[in-house]
Amino acid sequence: MIKQVICINWGTKYGTPFINRLYGMVARNITPPFSFTCFTDNREGIRPEVRCEDLPPLDVEMPKNSKGIWPKARLWGPRLGDLTGPVLFMDLDLVVTGSLDDFFTHGDPDDVILSRNPNTPLEKLGQTSVFRFPVGKLVPLQERFRADPQGIADEYRFEQRFVTRSAPGGAKLFPKAWVRHFRMHCRRPFPLNYLAAPKLPTDARIVIFPGGLHPSHAIDGHYPPYAPDSAGEHLRGLFSDVRQDGPLRYLRHYIRPAPWVGEHWRP
């Protein structure tokens, strides 16, 4: 069985460097044979090992002022290039830290399986940063979304909640140890964030970076919107006009550099 990995890129937020890094991380952490397909509106500079396809068509106006990444709905159609069967979708800004092989054998090939969203444990919400689905299985979701994009976004807020609650046959979740959330599972709580670097949890295969904190920030030790040169400088900012948050939130918004992120996040 060929393990099929896909990603999607549009606009200028991420682009070629992220696509090339993701391919490199996948190739180092997967047992061949595998394919890697990027659906994109710009193929310039993408490494030749990546199969590039045009963005799947979706003739709707995307929701406005909605928090979800609703353009991912392009992937829910009946066709994804010439791919058939299960595909593993991966966000461009995640970091692969271990073997991906089990993501392709977990559950049944016809299952829709999402990574776990740790923000809402009681809701058992999935995360679409990493999820597996058979090509064409999510067509009913795309049809509902096409009929009323803004209404669906207003009702569900995030596309991952729509997928979790509405996937045909129900959605399942990957084991929580496999996919970890950098802010929630890796960065240290206050005051340890001033003393120790973020940790890589045992058994993590993938670390995701939702919420505006990207791998480059983790490597440099910068927690947006702040970029101090040292812990001392950040602490002094508590009493200056650089602070944009309340005192406790500001103190939590410091991380030391995480070298392990740079070791994995490379082409």
Protein backbone atom coordinates (compact mmCIF):
# COMPACT_ATOMS: atom_id res chain seq x y z
CA MET A 1 0.00 0.00 0.00
CA ILE A 2 1.29 3.45 -0.92
CA LYS A 3 1.05 5.89 1.98
CA GLN A 4 -0.50 9.07 0.58
CA VAL A 5 0.32 12.40 2.25
CA ILE A 6 -1.31 15.64 1.14
CA CYS A 7 -1.08 19.32 2.03
CA ILE A 8 -2.64 22.53 0.72
CA ASN A 9 -1.14 25.96 0.07
CA TRP A 10 -2.76 29.18 -1.10
CA GLY A 11 -1.72 32.82 -0.96
CA THR A 12 1.55 34.01 0.58
CA LYS A 13 1.31 33.12 4.29
CA TYR A 14 3.39 29.94 3.99
CA GLY A 15 4.56 28.96 0.52
CA THR A 16 7.50 27.04 -0.88
CA PRO A 17 9.85 26.89 2.16
CA PHE A 18 7.11 25.34 4.30
CA ILE A 19 6.16 22.84 1.59
CA ASN A 20 9.78 21.77 1.11
CA ARG A 21 10.36 21.42 4.87
CA LEU A 22 7.22 19.35 5.28
CA TYR A 23 8.26 17.00 2.50
CA GLY A 24 11.71 16.57 4.06
CA MET A 25 10.25 15.76 7.47
CA VAL A 26 7.78 13.28 5.99
CA ALA A 27 10.45 11.54 3.89
CA ARG A 28 12.70 11.09 6.93
CA ASN A 29 9.91 9.63 9.06
CA ILE A 30 7.97 7.31 6.78
CA THR A 31 8.60 3.83 5.37
CA PRO A 32 8.31 3.81 1.55
CA PRO A 33 6.47 3.57 -0.70
CA PHE A 34 4.73 6.89 -0.21
CA SER A 35 3.51 9.84 -2.24
CA PHE A 36 3.44 13.51 -1.25
CA THR A 37 0.98 15.78 -3.06
CA CYS A 38 0.60 19.52 -2.58
CA PHE A 39 -2.51 21.29 -3.84
CA THR A 40 -1.30 24.82 -4.50
CA ASP A 41 -1.76 28.03 -6.47
CA ASN A 42 2.03 28.53 -6.89
CA ARG A 43 4.49 25.78 -7.86
CA GLU A 44 7.61 27.94 -8.10
CA GLY A 45 10.62 26.56 -6.22
CA ILE A 46 8.89 23.44 -4.89
CA ARG A 47 11.27 20.49 -4.75
CA PRO A 48 10.82 17.95 -7.57
CA GLU A 49 9.86 15.08 -5.27
CA VAL A 50 6.58 16.87 -4.47
CA ARG A 51 3.65 16.12 -6.75
CA CYS A 52 1.95 19.47 -7.39
CA GLU A 53 -1.73 19.76 -8.28
CA ASP A 54 -3.90 22.83 -8.77
CA LEU A 55 -6.18 23.81 -5.91
CA PRO A 56 -9.38 21.77 -6.11
CA PRO A 57 -12.20 24.01 -7.36
CA LEU A 58 -14.76 25.33 -4.90
CA ASP A 59 -16.92 28.09 -6.33
CA VAL A 60 -18.08 29.78 -3.12
CA GLU A 61 -17.22 32.92 -1.22
CA MET A 62 -15.26 31.91 1.86
CA PRO A 63 -16.67 32.94 5.26
CA LYS A 64 -15.58 36.30 6.64
CA ASN A 65 -14.64 37.07 10.25
CA SER A 66 -14.66 33.34 11.02
CA LYS A 67 -11.90 31.62 12.99
CA GLY A 68 -11.76 28.32 11.12
CA ILE A 69 -9.50 27.56 8.16
CA TRP A 70 -12.44 27.06 5.82
CA PRO A 71 -10.46 26.93 2.52
CA LYS A 72 -9.54 23.37 3.59
CA ALA A 73 -13.06 22.56 2.38
CA ARG A 74 -11.53 22.37 -1.11
CA LEU A 75 -10.17 18.96 -0.09
CA TRP A 76 -13.62 17.54 0.69
CA GLY A 77 -14.66 17.08 -2.94
CA PRO A 78 -15.10 13.88 -4.96
CA ARG A 79 -11.63 14.05 -6.55
CA LEU A 80 -8.11 14.97 -5.42
CA GLY A 81 -6.03 14.72 -8.57
CA ASP A 82 -5.59 11.02 -9.32
CA LEU A 83 -5.50 9.98 -5.65
CA THR A 84 -7.90 7.34 -4.38
CA GLY A 85 -8.42 5.75 -0.98
CA PRO A 86 -7.10 7.09 2.34
CA VAL A 87 -4.97 10.25 2.40
CA LEU A 88 -3.22 11.81 5.39
CA PHE A 89 -3.57 15.60 5.43
CA MET A 90 -0.89 17.62 7.25
CA ASP A 91 -0.71 21.36 7.95
CA LEU A 92 2.32 23.17 6.55
CA ASP A 93 3.45 24.62 9.89
CA LEU A 94 3.68 21.43 11.95
CA VAL A 95 6.85 19.58 12.95
CA VAL A 96 7.30 15.83 12.39
CA THR A 97 9.31 14.28 15.23
CA GLY A 98 8.72 10.53 14.83
CA SER A 99 7.44 7.74 12.62
CA LEU A 100 4.30 8.41 10.59
CA ASP A 101 3.68 4.78 9.62
CA ASP A 102 1.02 4.10 12.25
CA PHE A 103 -1.14 6.97 10.99
CA PHE A 104 -1.85 4.84 7.92
CA THR A 105 -2.68 1.56 9.70
CA HIS A 106 -4.71 2.90 12.64
CA GLY A 107 -8.40 2.05 12.36
CA ASP A 108 -10.16 1.07 9.16
CA PRO A 109 -9.17 2.44 5.72
CA ASP A 110 -12.67 3.90 5.36
CA ASP A 111 -12.49 5.84 8.65
CA VAL A 112 -12.24 9.59 9.06
CA ILE A 113 -9.64 10.02 11.81
CA LEU A 114 -8.54 13.36 13.29
CA SER A 115 -5.85 14.34 15.75
CA ARG A 116 -7.20 15.39 19.14
CA ASN A 117 -7.89 19.01 20.05
CA PRO A 118 -6.63 19.47 23.62
CA ASN A 119 -8.41 22.81 24.05
CA THR A 120 -11.80 21.15 24.54
CA PRO A 121 -11.22 17.70 26.11
CA LEU A 122 -14.82 17.31 27.30
CA GLU A 123 -16.14 17.96 23.79
CA LYS A 124 -13.83 15.32 22.25
CA LEU A 125 -13.15 17.70 19.39
CA GLY A 126 -10.83 16.72 16.56
CA GLN A 127 -8.06 18.84 15.07
CA THR A 128 -7.65 19.09 11.30
CA SER A 129 -3.95 19.94 11.53
CA VAL A 130 -3.47 16.20 10.96
CA PHE A 131 -6.31 14.00 9.77
CA ARG A 132 -6.93 11.01 7.53
CA PHE A 133 -9.90 10.45 5.27
CA PRO A 134 -10.76 8.49 2.11
CA VAL A 135 -10.92 10.66 -1.00
CA GLY A 136 -14.58 11.51 -1.63
CA LYS A 137 -15.83 10.51 1.84
CA LEU A 138 -16.40 14.14 2.86
CA VAL A 139 -18.44 15.16 -0.20
CA PRO A 140 -21.62 15.56 1.95
CA LEU A 141 -19.75 18.11 4.09
CA GLN A 142 -18.61 20.05 1.04
CA GLU A 143 -22.17 20.10 -0.32
CA ARG A 144 -23.54 21.45 2.97
CA PHE A 145 -20.77 24.03 3.12
CA ARG A 146 -21.28 25.10 -0.50
CA ALA A 147 -25.00 25.66 0.15
CA ASP A 148 -24.34 28.13 3.00
CA PRO A 149 -20.65 28.83 3.73
CA GLN A 150 -21.17 31.68 6.16
CA GLY A 151 -24.02 29.92 7.94
CA ILE A 152 -21.95 26.76 8.47
CA ALA A 153 -19.01 28.83 9.73
CA ASP A 154 -21.24 30.78 12.10
CA GLU A 155 -22.81 27.59 13.47
CA TYR A 156 -19.63 25.56 13.94
CA ARG A 157 -17.03 28.38 14.25
CA PHE A 158 -14.13 26.09 13.29
CA GLU A 159 -13.93 23.73 10.32
CA GLN A 160 -12.56 21.02 12.62
CA ARG A 161 -15.77 21.07 14.68
CA PHE A 162 -17.80 20.73 11.47
CA VAL A 163 -15.72 17.72 10.39
CA THR A 164 -15.78 16.12 13.86
CA ARG A 165 -19.54 16.38 14.24
CA SER A 166 -20.61 15.80 10.64
CA ALA A 167 -18.25 13.25 9.06
CA PRO A 168 -20.25 10.41 7.46
CA GLY A 169 -20.15 7.42 9.80
CA GLY A 170 -18.70 9.59 12.57
CA ALA A 171 -15.15 10.79 13.18
CA LYS A 172 -12.53 8.91 15.18
CA LEU A 173 -9.40 10.26 16.89
CA PHE A 174 -5.75 9.26 16.73
CA PRO A 175 -4.06 8.33 20.05
CA LYS A 176 -3.37 11.57 21.93
CA ALA A 177 0.33 10.81 22.43
CA TRP A 178 0.99 10.87 18.68
CA VAL A 179 0.09 14.51 18.01
CA ARG A 180 1.07 17.16 20.56
CA HIS A 181 0.20 20.85 20.76
CA PHE A 182 3.29 23.04 21.22
CA ARG A 183 1.69 25.68 23.45
CA MET A 184 -0.18 23.17 25.61
CA HIS A 185 2.20 20.20 25.77
CA CYS A 186 5.70 21.55 25.07
CA ARG A 187 6.17 25.05 26.47
CA ARG A 188 6.81 25.28 30.20
CA PRO A 189 4.28 26.83 32.56
CA PHE A 190 5.15 30.04 34.39
CA PRO A 191 7.64 30.47 36.03
CA LEU A 192 9.49 27.46 34.54
CA ASN A 193 9.25 29.05 31.09
CA TYR A 194 12.05 31.43 32.17
CA LEU A 195 14.31 28.60 33.32
CA ALA A 196 13.86 25.66 30.92
CA ALA A 197 13.41 25.22 27.19
CA PRO A 198 10.17 23.75 25.81
CA LYS A 199 10.21 19.95 25.96
CA LEU A 200 9.45 17.33 23.32
CA PRO A 201 6.95 14.92 24.89
CA THR A 202 7.77 11.22 24.85
CA ASP A 203 6.15 9.29 21.98
CA ALA A 204 5.16 12.44 20.07
CA ARG A 205 5.18 11.83 16.32
CA ILE A 206 3.97 15.29 15.33
CA VAL A 207 3.92 18.67 17.10
CA ILE A 208 1.32 21.15 15.86
CA PHE A 209 1.53 24.94 16.14
CA PRO A 210 -1.97 26.49 16.14
CA GLY A 211 -2.63 29.99 17.38
CA GLY A 212 0.07 32.14 15.79
CA LEU A 213 3.11 30.58 17.49
CA HIS A 214 5.15 29.01 14.67
CA PRO A 215 8.19 26.69 14.59
CA SER A 216 10.49 29.62 13.77
CA HIS A 217 9.36 31.37 16.97
CA ALA A 218 10.08 28.22 19.01
CA ILE A 219 13.55 27.92 17.49
CA ASP A 220 14.38 31.56 18.27
CA GLY A 221 12.68 31.68 21.66
CA HIS A 222 10.19 34.41 20.71
CA TYR A 223 6.54 34.32 21.75
CA PRO A 224 4.59 36.73 19.49
CA PRO A 225 4.04 39.60 19.73
CA TYR A 226 7.16 39.78 21.91
CA ALA A 227 10.76 39.21 20.81
CA PRO A 228 13.08 39.97 23.75
CA ASP A 229 16.77 39.10 23.61
CA SER A 230 16.70 37.53 27.07
CA ALA A 231 14.46 36.50 29.95
CA GLY A 232 15.62 39.55 31.87
CA GLU A 233 14.58 41.87 29.06
CA HIS A 234 11.16 40.26 28.92
CA LEU A 235 10.72 40.63 32.68
CA ARG A 236 11.68 44.30 32.53
CA GLY A 237 9.04 44.74 29.82
CA LEU A 238 6.42 43.99 32.47
CA PHE A 239 6.86 47.58 33.67
CA SER A 240 7.11 49.26 30.26
CA ASP A 241 4.81 50.20 27.41
CA VAL A 242 5.96 47.12 25.42
CA ARG A 243 3.42 45.05 27.32
CA GLN A 244 0.21 44.46 25.37
CA ASP A 245 -1.36 41.93 27.76
CA GLY A 246 -2.33 41.69 31.39
CA PRO A 247 0.57 40.96 33.79
CA LEU A 248 0.04 37.18 34.15
CA ARG A 249 -0.61 36.63 30.45
CA TYR A 250 2.47 38.69 29.64
CA LEU A 251 4.64 36.61 31.99
CA ARG A 252 3.42 33.42 30.32
CA HIS A 253 4.32 34.82 26.90
CA TYR A 254 8.00 33.99 27.10
CA ILE A 255 9.75 30.86 25.88
CA ARG A 256 13.38 29.89 25.79
CA PRO A 257 14.78 28.63 22.45
CA ALA A 258 13.84 25.03 21.61
CA PRO A 259 16.75 23.53 19.60
CA TRP A 260 14.89 20.27 18.99
CA VAL A 261 12.39 22.10 16.81
CA GLY A 262 15.16 23.22 14.46
CA GLU A 263 16.64 19.72 14.37
CA HIS A 264 13.38 18.37 12.92
CA TRP A 265 11.99 21.39 11.02
CA ARG A 266 14.25 21.33 7.97
CA PRO A 267 13.99 20.34 4.28
